[in-house]
N, C-alpha and C. Protein backbone atom coordinates (compact mmCIF):
# COMPACT_ATOMS: atom_id res chain seq x y z
N MET A 1 68.33 24.96 -5.45
CA MET A 1 69.65 26.11 -5.07
C MET A 1 69.23 27.64 -4.57
N PRO A 2 68.88 28.19 -3.46
CA PRO A 2 68.16 29.02 -3.78
C PRO A 2 68.15 30.52 -4.73
N THR A 3 67.65 30.56 -4.79
CA THR A 3 67.24 32.00 -5.76
C THR A 3 67.60 33.17 -4.77
N ILE A 4 68.76 34.43 -4.73
CA ILE A 4 68.59 35.50 -4.54
C ILE A 4 68.25 36.90 -4.78
N PRO A 5 68.25 37.48 -4.69
CA PRO A 5 67.47 38.55 -4.74
C PRO A 5 67.97 39.78 -4.90
N TYR A 6 69.51 40.54 -5.78
CA TYR A 6 69.87 41.59 -5.49
C TYR A 6 70.15 42.31 -6.48
N LEU A 7 69.24 43.66 -5.69
CA LEU A 7 69.37 44.45 -6.08
C LEU A 7 70.32 45.75 -6.17
N HIS A 8 69.94 46.98 -7.17
CA HIS A 8 71.35 47.62 -7.29
C HIS A 8 70.87 49.43 -7.16
N PHE A 9 71.21 50.34 -6.56
CA PHE A 9 71.40 51.66 -6.60
C PHE A 9 72.12 52.48 -7.22
N GLN A 10 71.72 54.15 -6.81
CA GLN A 10 72.49 54.78 -7.60
C GLN A 10 73.14 55.92 -6.64
N GLY A 11 74.10 54.38 -5.14
CA GLY A 11 75.04 55.83 -4.42
C GLY A 11 74.69 55.48 -3.29
N GLN A 12 73.25 54.59 -3.54
CA GLN A 12 72.62 54.54 -1.86
C GLN A 12 72.60 53.12 -1.15
N CYS A 13 73.53 52.16 -1.70
CA CYS A 13 73.28 50.78 -1.64
C CYS A 13 73.88 50.48 -0.35
N ALA A 14 74.61 50.75 0.38
CA ALA A 14 75.49 50.93 1.43
C ALA A 14 73.89 50.53 2.75
N GLU A 15 73.37 52.47 2.31
CA GLU A 15 72.27 53.48 3.83
C GLU A 15 71.09 51.75 3.26
N ALA A 16 71.00 51.14 2.01
CA ALA A 16 69.74 50.65 1.82
C ALA A 16 69.69 49.67 2.77
N LEU A 17 70.66 49.47 2.52
CA LEU A 17 71.24 47.76 3.28
C LEU A 17 71.31 47.51 4.70
N ALA A 18 71.67 48.81 4.82
CA ALA A 18 72.07 48.92 6.93
C ALA A 18 70.00 49.08 7.19
N PHE A 19 69.77 50.13 6.64
CA PHE A 19 67.99 49.82 6.44
C PHE A 19 67.39 48.69 6.56
N TYR A 20 67.99 47.78 5.08
CA TYR A 20 67.13 46.25 5.75
C TYR A 20 67.83 45.97 6.79
N ALA A 21 68.42 45.31 6.88
CA ALA A 21 69.06 45.27 8.09
C ALA A 21 68.29 46.09 9.61
N SER A 22 67.98 46.13 9.49
CA SER A 22 67.48 47.06 10.68
C SER A 22 65.89 46.85 10.49
N ALA A 23 65.04 47.33 9.71
CA ALA A 23 63.28 47.19 9.41
C ALA A 23 63.59 45.38 9.55
N LEU A 24 64.60 45.11 8.60
CA LEU A 24 64.14 43.54 8.73
C LEU A 24 64.40 42.27 10.04
N GLY A 25 64.71 43.02 10.50
CA GLY A 25 66.58 42.46 12.01
C GLY A 25 66.95 40.86 10.99
N GLY A 26 67.64 41.73 9.82
CA GLY A 26 68.68 40.83 9.04
C GLY A 26 69.91 41.54 10.13
N SER A 27 71.20 40.12 9.87
CA SER A 27 72.48 40.17 10.65
C SER A 27 73.65 39.92 9.55
N ASP A 28 74.74 40.01 10.01
CA ASP A 28 75.62 40.14 9.32
C ASP A 28 75.99 40.62 7.82
N LEU A 29 75.84 42.15 8.06
CA LEU A 29 75.93 43.06 6.88
C LEU A 29 77.10 42.98 6.84
N ALA A 30 77.43 42.70 5.38
CA ALA A 30 78.94 43.37 4.75
C ALA A 30 78.21 44.48 3.91
N ILE A 31 79.53 44.68 2.97
CA ILE A 31 79.68 45.81 2.23
C ILE A 31 80.83 46.67 1.62
N MET A 32 81.43 46.02 0.44
CA MET A 32 82.72 46.19 -0.57
C MET A 32 82.75 46.80 -1.11
N ARG A 33 83.16 48.52 -1.25
CA ARG A 33 83.55 49.31 -1.55
C ARG A 33 84.34 49.45 -3.47
N TYR A 34 84.09 49.51 -4.45
CA TYR A 34 84.50 49.73 -5.19
C TYR A 34 86.38 50.03 -5.11
N SER A 35 86.34 51.44 -4.23
CA SER A 35 88.03 51.87 -3.50
C SER A 35 88.28 50.84 -3.04
N GLU A 36 88.47 49.47 -1.73
CA GLU A 36 88.72 48.08 -2.08
C GLU A 36 89.25 47.48 -2.76
N SER A 37 88.99 47.68 -3.80
CA SER A 37 88.96 46.13 -4.85
C SER A 37 89.98 46.67 -5.91
N PRO A 38 91.39 45.81 -5.84
CA PRO A 38 92.60 45.55 -6.68
C PRO A 38 92.33 46.21 -8.11
N GLN A 39 91.48 45.28 -8.44
CA GLN A 39 91.08 45.67 -10.39
C GLN A 39 89.94 46.40 -10.25
N ALA A 40 90.01 46.88 -9.47
CA ALA A 40 88.47 48.49 -10.06
C ALA A 40 89.39 49.55 -10.77
N PRO A 41 88.71 50.02 -11.94
CA PRO A 41 89.67 51.27 -12.98
C PRO A 41 89.93 52.17 -11.53
N GLU A 42 91.28 53.87 -12.28
CA GLU A 42 91.69 53.90 -10.90
C GLU A 42 89.94 55.07 -10.90
N ASP A 43 89.82 55.67 -11.94
CA ASP A 43 89.15 56.51 -11.62
C ASP A 43 87.22 56.34 -10.86
N TRP A 44 86.93 54.93 -10.87
CA TRP A 44 86.00 54.20 -9.42
C TRP A 44 86.71 54.14 -8.15
N LYS A 45 88.19 54.92 -7.63
CA LYS A 45 87.80 54.12 -6.74
C LYS A 45 88.56 54.92 -5.28
N SER A 46 88.04 56.25 -6.54
CA SER A 46 87.26 57.68 -5.79
C SER A 46 86.07 57.55 -5.36
N LEU A 47 85.49 57.32 -5.80
CA LEU A 47 84.08 56.90 -5.68
C LEU A 47 83.57 55.67 -4.23
N ASP A 48 82.42 56.21 -3.53
CA ASP A 48 82.76 55.96 -2.66
C ASP A 48 81.31 54.56 -2.66
N ARG A 49 81.21 54.01 -3.59
CA ARG A 49 80.00 53.43 -4.62
C ARG A 49 80.30 52.17 -3.99
N VAL A 50 78.65 51.38 -3.54
CA VAL A 50 79.66 49.39 -3.10
C VAL A 50 79.08 48.84 -3.42
N MET A 51 80.71 48.39 -4.43
CA MET A 51 80.14 47.17 -5.40
C MET A 51 80.02 45.35 -5.02
N HIS A 52 79.97 45.45 -3.93
CA HIS A 52 79.19 44.48 -3.57
C HIS A 52 78.66 44.57 -2.10
N GLY A 53 77.72 44.06 -1.81
CA GLY A 53 77.09 44.13 -0.43
C GLY A 53 75.82 42.94 -0.25
N GLN A 54 75.61 42.79 1.71
CA GLN A 54 74.70 41.35 1.14
C GLN A 54 74.28 41.53 3.25
N VAL A 55 72.80 41.31 3.12
CA VAL A 55 72.81 40.56 4.86
C VAL A 55 71.78 39.18 5.02
N ARG A 56 71.93 38.90 6.03
CA ARG A 56 71.47 37.97 5.81
C ARG A 56 69.96 38.26 6.47
N ILE A 57 68.53 38.45 5.99
CA ILE A 57 67.80 37.87 6.94
C ILE A 57 66.36 36.51 6.33
N GLY A 58 66.52 36.36 8.24
CA GLY A 58 66.17 35.89 8.72
C GLY A 58 66.89 34.01 7.35
N GLU A 59 66.38 33.12 7.17
CA GLU A 59 67.10 31.79 6.10
C GLU A 59 67.59 32.59 4.79
N GLY A 60 66.80 33.39 4.74
CA GLY A 60 67.29 33.72 3.07
C GLY A 60 68.32 34.25 2.79
N ILE A 61 69.18 35.28 2.23
CA ILE A 61 70.38 36.75 1.75
C ILE A 61 69.61 37.41 1.38
N LEU A 62 69.77 38.63 0.42
CA LEU A 62 69.63 40.06 0.27
C LEU A 62 71.15 40.50 -0.46
N MET A 63 70.74 40.21 -1.30
CA MET A 63 72.54 41.27 -1.74
C MET A 63 72.18 42.69 -2.65
N ALA A 64 73.01 43.29 -2.95
CA ALA A 64 73.23 44.33 -3.82
C ALA A 64 74.38 44.99 -4.12
N SER A 65 74.34 45.74 -4.58
CA SER A 65 75.54 46.87 -5.30
C SER A 65 74.82 48.22 -5.89
N ASP A 66 75.79 49.39 -5.35
CA ASP A 66 74.99 50.43 -6.30
C ASP A 66 75.38 49.80 -7.85
N PHE A 67 75.02 50.79 -9.12
CA PHE A 67 75.10 50.30 -10.42
C PHE A 67 76.96 51.59 -10.62
N PRO A 68 77.55 50.55 -11.38
CA PRO A 68 79.43 51.13 -11.97
C PRO A 68 78.52 52.46 -11.93
N PRO A 69 79.98 53.87 -11.71
CA PRO A 69 80.01 55.31 -12.87
C PRO A 69 79.67 54.92 -13.72
N GLY A 70 78.38 55.60 -14.30
CA GLY A 70 78.44 56.28 -15.43
C GLY A 70 77.28 55.19 -16.37
N SER A 71 77.35 54.48 -15.66
CA SER A 71 75.64 53.69 -15.43
C SER A 71 74.18 54.38 -15.55
N ASP A 72 73.09 54.55 -15.78
CA ASP A 72 72.26 55.79 -16.15
C ASP A 72 70.69 54.10 -15.76
N GLY A 73 71.24 53.17 -15.04
CA GLY A 73 69.80 52.34 -14.50
C GLY A 73 69.16 52.71 -13.19
N HIS A 74 67.62 52.04 -13.47
CA HIS A 74 66.86 52.47 -13.03
C HIS A 74 66.78 51.43 -11.27
N PRO A 75 66.82 51.74 -10.61
CA PRO A 75 67.19 50.96 -9.51
C PRO A 75 65.68 50.64 -9.27
N GLN A 76 65.81 48.58 -9.37
CA GLN A 76 64.22 48.16 -9.26
C GLN A 76 63.34 47.96 -9.59
N ALA A 77 63.02 48.99 -10.97
CA ALA A 77 61.86 49.26 -12.08
C ALA A 77 61.88 47.48 -12.84
N GLY A 78 60.28 47.42 -12.03
CA GLY A 78 59.58 46.21 -12.72
C GLY A 78 59.73 44.91 -12.05
N VAL A 79 59.73 44.54 -10.74
CA VAL A 79 60.91 43.59 -9.76
C VAL A 79 59.99 44.87 -8.17
N SER A 80 59.90 43.19 -7.71
CA SER A 80 59.39 43.56 -6.44
C SER A 80 60.10 42.54 -5.30
N VAL A 81 60.20 43.00 -4.88
CA VAL A 81 60.96 41.56 -3.49
C VAL A 81 59.56 41.16 -2.75
N MET A 82 59.70 39.63 -2.27
CA MET A 82 58.55 39.03 -1.26
C MET A 82 58.75 39.09 -0.48
N GLN A 83 58.37 39.24 0.57
CA GLN A 83 58.53 38.93 2.29
C GLN A 83 57.25 38.24 3.13
N THR A 84 57.20 36.88 4.00
CA THR A 84 56.50 36.17 4.18
C THR A 84 56.72 36.27 5.32
N PHE A 85 55.51 36.00 6.39
CA PHE A 85 55.57 36.21 7.77
C PHE A 85 54.95 35.20 8.35
N GLY A 86 54.81 34.43 9.93
CA GLY A 86 54.40 33.33 10.62
C GLY A 86 53.40 34.36 10.98
N ASP A 87 53.27 35.27 10.78
CA ASP A 87 51.69 35.83 12.08
C ASP A 87 51.72 37.20 11.32
N SER A 88 50.65 38.24 11.61
CA SER A 88 50.26 38.93 11.01
C SER A 88 51.07 40.36 10.97
N GLU A 89 51.23 40.02 12.84
CA GLU A 89 52.06 41.62 13.51
C GLU A 89 53.97 41.81 12.79
N SER A 90 54.31 41.12 13.09
CA SER A 90 55.14 40.68 12.20
C SER A 90 54.84 40.74 11.21
N ALA A 91 54.15 40.79 10.67
CA ALA A 91 54.06 41.42 8.52
C ALA A 91 53.69 43.16 8.89
N ARG A 92 52.88 42.93 10.10
CA ARG A 92 51.91 44.13 9.66
C ARG A 92 53.88 45.76 10.54
N SER A 93 54.54 45.53 11.92
CA SER A 93 55.18 45.64 11.72
C SER A 93 56.15 46.49 11.14
N THR A 94 56.81 45.26 9.95
CA THR A 94 58.13 45.15 9.49
C THR A 94 57.47 46.10 7.90
N PHE A 95 56.62 46.34 7.67
CA PHE A 95 55.32 46.73 6.59
C PHE A 95 55.94 47.77 6.70
N GLU A 96 55.21 48.71 7.99
CA GLU A 96 55.04 49.80 8.50
C GLU A 96 56.81 50.56 8.24
N ARG A 97 58.16 49.76 8.58
CA ARG A 97 59.34 50.17 9.12
C ARG A 97 60.03 50.51 7.80
N LEU A 98 59.19 49.33 6.77
CA LEU A 98 59.78 49.24 5.04
C LEU A 98 59.37 50.94 4.61
N SER A 99 57.82 51.22 4.65
CA SER A 99 57.20 52.16 3.97
C SER A 99 57.52 53.79 4.77
N GLU A 100 58.25 53.75 6.04
CA GLU A 100 58.89 55.23 6.33
C GLU A 100 59.31 55.76 5.10
N GLY A 101 59.20 56.87 5.26
CA GLY A 101 59.68 58.09 4.49
C GLY A 101 58.97 57.15 2.92
N GLY A 102 58.45 56.45 2.36
CA GLY A 102 58.55 55.86 1.05
C GLY A 102 56.41 55.82 0.52
N ALA A 103 56.54 55.11 -0.27
CA ALA A 103 54.90 55.48 -0.47
C ALA A 103 54.62 53.59 -0.25
N VAL A 104 52.90 53.70 0.63
CA VAL A 104 52.53 52.37 -0.01
C VAL A 104 51.34 52.31 -1.06
N ILE A 105 52.13 51.16 -1.27
CA ILE A 105 50.49 51.07 -3.37
C ILE A 105 49.19 50.32 -2.34
N GLN A 106 50.08 49.31 -1.79
CA GLN A 106 48.65 48.42 -0.93
C GLN A 106 48.73 48.89 0.30
N ARG A 107 47.62 48.91 1.86
CA ARG A 107 47.79 49.65 2.61
C ARG A 107 47.62 48.08 3.06
N PHE A 108 48.56 47.86 3.72
CA PHE A 108 48.17 46.18 4.45
C PHE A 108 47.04 45.96 5.42
N ALA A 109 46.51 44.98 4.64
CA ALA A 109 45.31 44.54 5.51
C ALA A 109 45.45 43.13 5.24
N PRO A 110 44.39 42.55 5.51
CA PRO A 110 44.12 40.83 5.98
C PRO A 110 43.45 41.19 4.38
N THR A 111 43.45 39.30 3.29
CA THR A 111 42.59 39.75 2.35
C THR A 111 42.46 38.13 2.49
N PHE A 112 41.35 37.61 1.09
CA PHE A 112 40.96 35.99 1.33
C PHE A 112 42.30 34.77 0.95
N PHE A 113 42.96 34.99 0.79
CA PHE A 113 44.06 34.59 0.29
C PHE A 113 45.36 34.80 2.11
N SER A 114 45.09 35.51 2.36
CA SER A 114 46.48 36.05 3.22
C SER A 114 45.23 36.66 4.66
N ARG A 115 46.68 36.74 5.96
CA ARG A 115 46.09 37.57 6.71
C ARG A 115 46.80 38.70 7.12
N GLY A 116 47.14 38.93 6.81
CA GLY A 116 47.82 40.20 6.38
C GLY A 116 48.49 40.46 4.93
N PHE A 117 48.04 41.78 4.66
CA PHE A 117 48.67 41.46 3.09
C PHE A 117 49.12 43.34 2.07
N GLY A 118 50.43 43.28 1.86
CA GLY A 118 49.86 45.08 1.51
C GLY A 118 51.54 44.53 0.16
N MET A 119 51.85 45.92 0.23
CA MET A 119 52.73 46.14 -1.28
C MET A 119 52.95 48.05 -1.24
N LEU A 120 54.56 48.68 -1.09
CA LEU A 120 54.88 49.67 -0.79
C LEU A 120 55.93 49.50 -1.46
N ARG A 121 56.43 50.45 -1.51
CA ARG A 121 57.69 50.95 -2.39
C ARG A 121 58.68 52.43 -1.88
N ASP A 122 60.52 51.22 -1.43
CA ASP A 122 60.53 52.35 0.01
C ASP A 122 61.25 53.12 -0.28
N ARG A 123 61.71 54.49 0.81
CA ARG A 123 62.81 55.17 0.53
C ARG A 123 63.94 55.52 -0.57
N PHE A 124 63.76 53.90 -1.20
CA PHE A 124 64.70 54.08 -1.77
C PHE A 124 64.64 53.09 -3.79
N GLY A 125 63.24 52.93 -3.08
CA GLY A 125 62.89 52.75 -4.48
C GLY A 125 62.68 51.13 -4.97
N THR A 126 63.34 50.67 -4.26
CA THR A 126 63.12 49.38 -3.96
C THR A 126 60.92 48.95 -3.11
N HIS A 127 60.03 48.35 -4.56
CA HIS A 127 58.96 47.48 -3.85
C HIS A 127 58.89 46.24 -3.17
N TRP A 128 58.70 46.32 -2.15
CA TRP A 128 57.90 45.50 -1.18
C TRP A 128 56.90 44.42 -1.45
N ILE A 129 56.65 43.13 -1.52
CA ILE A 129 55.26 43.18 -1.27
C ILE A 129 55.31 41.78 0.03
N ILE A 130 54.72 42.46 1.60
CA ILE A 130 54.57 42.21 2.47
C ILE A 130 53.86 40.72 2.77
N SER A 131 53.71 39.84 3.28
CA SER A 131 52.29 38.50 3.84
C SER A 131 52.80 37.69 4.80
N ALA A 132 51.47 37.42 5.31
CA ALA A 132 51.44 36.94 6.49
C ALA A 132 50.99 35.24 5.69
N GLU A 133 52.01 34.28 5.94
CA GLU A 133 50.83 33.18 6.07
C GLU A 133 49.28 33.26 6.44
N PRO A 134 48.40 32.20 5.21
CA PRO A 134 46.97 32.76 6.22
C PRO A 134 47.03 31.25 6.74
N GLU A 135 46.34 31.86 8.36
CA GLU A 135 46.10 30.65 9.42
C GLU A 135 45.72 28.95 8.69
N ASN A 136 45.50 28.96 8.26
CA ASN A 136 44.51 26.50 7.69
C ASN A 136 45.63 27.10 6.20
N GLY A 137 46.73 26.12 6.15
CA GLY A 137 46.35 25.74 4.65
C GLY A 137 47.24 26.75 3.69
N THR A 138 47.04 26.43 2.55
CA THR A 138 48.00 27.69 1.45
C THR A 138 47.19 28.69 1.47
N ALA A 139 48.00 29.60 0.70
CA ALA A 139 46.86 30.99 -0.04
C ALA A 139 46.13 30.41 -1.54
N ARG A 140 46.21 29.12 -2.22
CA ARG A 140 45.24 29.01 -3.34
C ARG A 140 44.67 28.04 -2.47
N ASP A 141 44.93 27.04 -1.67
CA ASP A 141 43.25 26.18 -0.54
C ASP A 141 42.53 27.55 0.36
N GLN A 142 43.31 29.22 -0.01
CA GLN A 142 41.78 29.98 0.17
C GLN A 142 41.32 30.28 -0.35
N ALA A 143 42.17 30.61 -1.65
CA ALA A 143 42.20 31.56 -2.47
C ALA A 143 40.22 30.37 -3.13
N ALA A 144 40.57 28.75 -3.11
CA ALA A 144 40.31 27.95 -3.90
C ALA A 144 38.59 27.93 -2.96
N ASP A 145 38.62 27.83 -1.79
CA ASP A 145 37.57 28.13 -0.80
C ASP A 145 36.73 29.04 -1.36
N ALA A 146 37.61 30.80 -1.69
CA ALA A 146 36.80 31.98 -1.33
C ALA A 146 35.65 32.22 -1.64
N GLU A 147 34.47 32.43 -2.20
CA GLU A 147 34.23 32.90 -3.04
C GLU A 147 33.99 34.33 -3.44
N PRO A 148 33.10 34.21 -5.16
CA PRO A 148 34.80 34.78 -5.79
C PRO A 148 33.66 36.63 -6.23
N GLU A 149 34.27 37.47 -6.08
CA GLU A 149 33.74 38.89 -5.46
C GLU A 149 32.59 38.96 -7.12
N ALA A 150 32.50 39.66 -6.66
CA ALA A 150 31.09 40.29 -7.52
C ALA A 150 31.79 41.05 -8.72
N HIS A 151 31.73 41.31 -10.22
CA HIS A 151 32.35 42.40 -10.61
C HIS A 151 31.32 42.74 -11.02
N PRO A 152 31.39 44.59 -11.42
CA PRO A 152 29.93 45.14 -12.03
C PRO A 152 30.59 44.84 -13.43
N THR A 153 30.67 44.65 -15.13
CA THR A 153 30.12 44.93 -15.89
C THR A 153 29.88 45.71 -16.95
């Protein structure tokens, strides 16, 4: 059974999913609005909010919606979406596209466990971790083989 990230927005869901489809090479973008639901309360039907949306990204899927009207939820507070790539150039270019209009938390660069790794918050408030798989072995193998860094005391 796959785990599927489900993101929430305050009225920006359709724009965010279209951006993710473009930035991540997604397909099969689908949007269902509250106004299209026969079960939505009448006062919600006039709003342009997304009840459910999704986009296929590679072998996975990303789902999302806008918070229902009147909800004071905070989009993606305390959660990050991780996307791993087989090569560092694909990872770097995706990192750059997602960070447009957002904030870089950790710049994309090689690490002891990845050929490229970075963290960002995109312009919609979603936190992303972008990583390129290590050249040989797993990240765990690479970490075990790495010499420990000296930490000042």
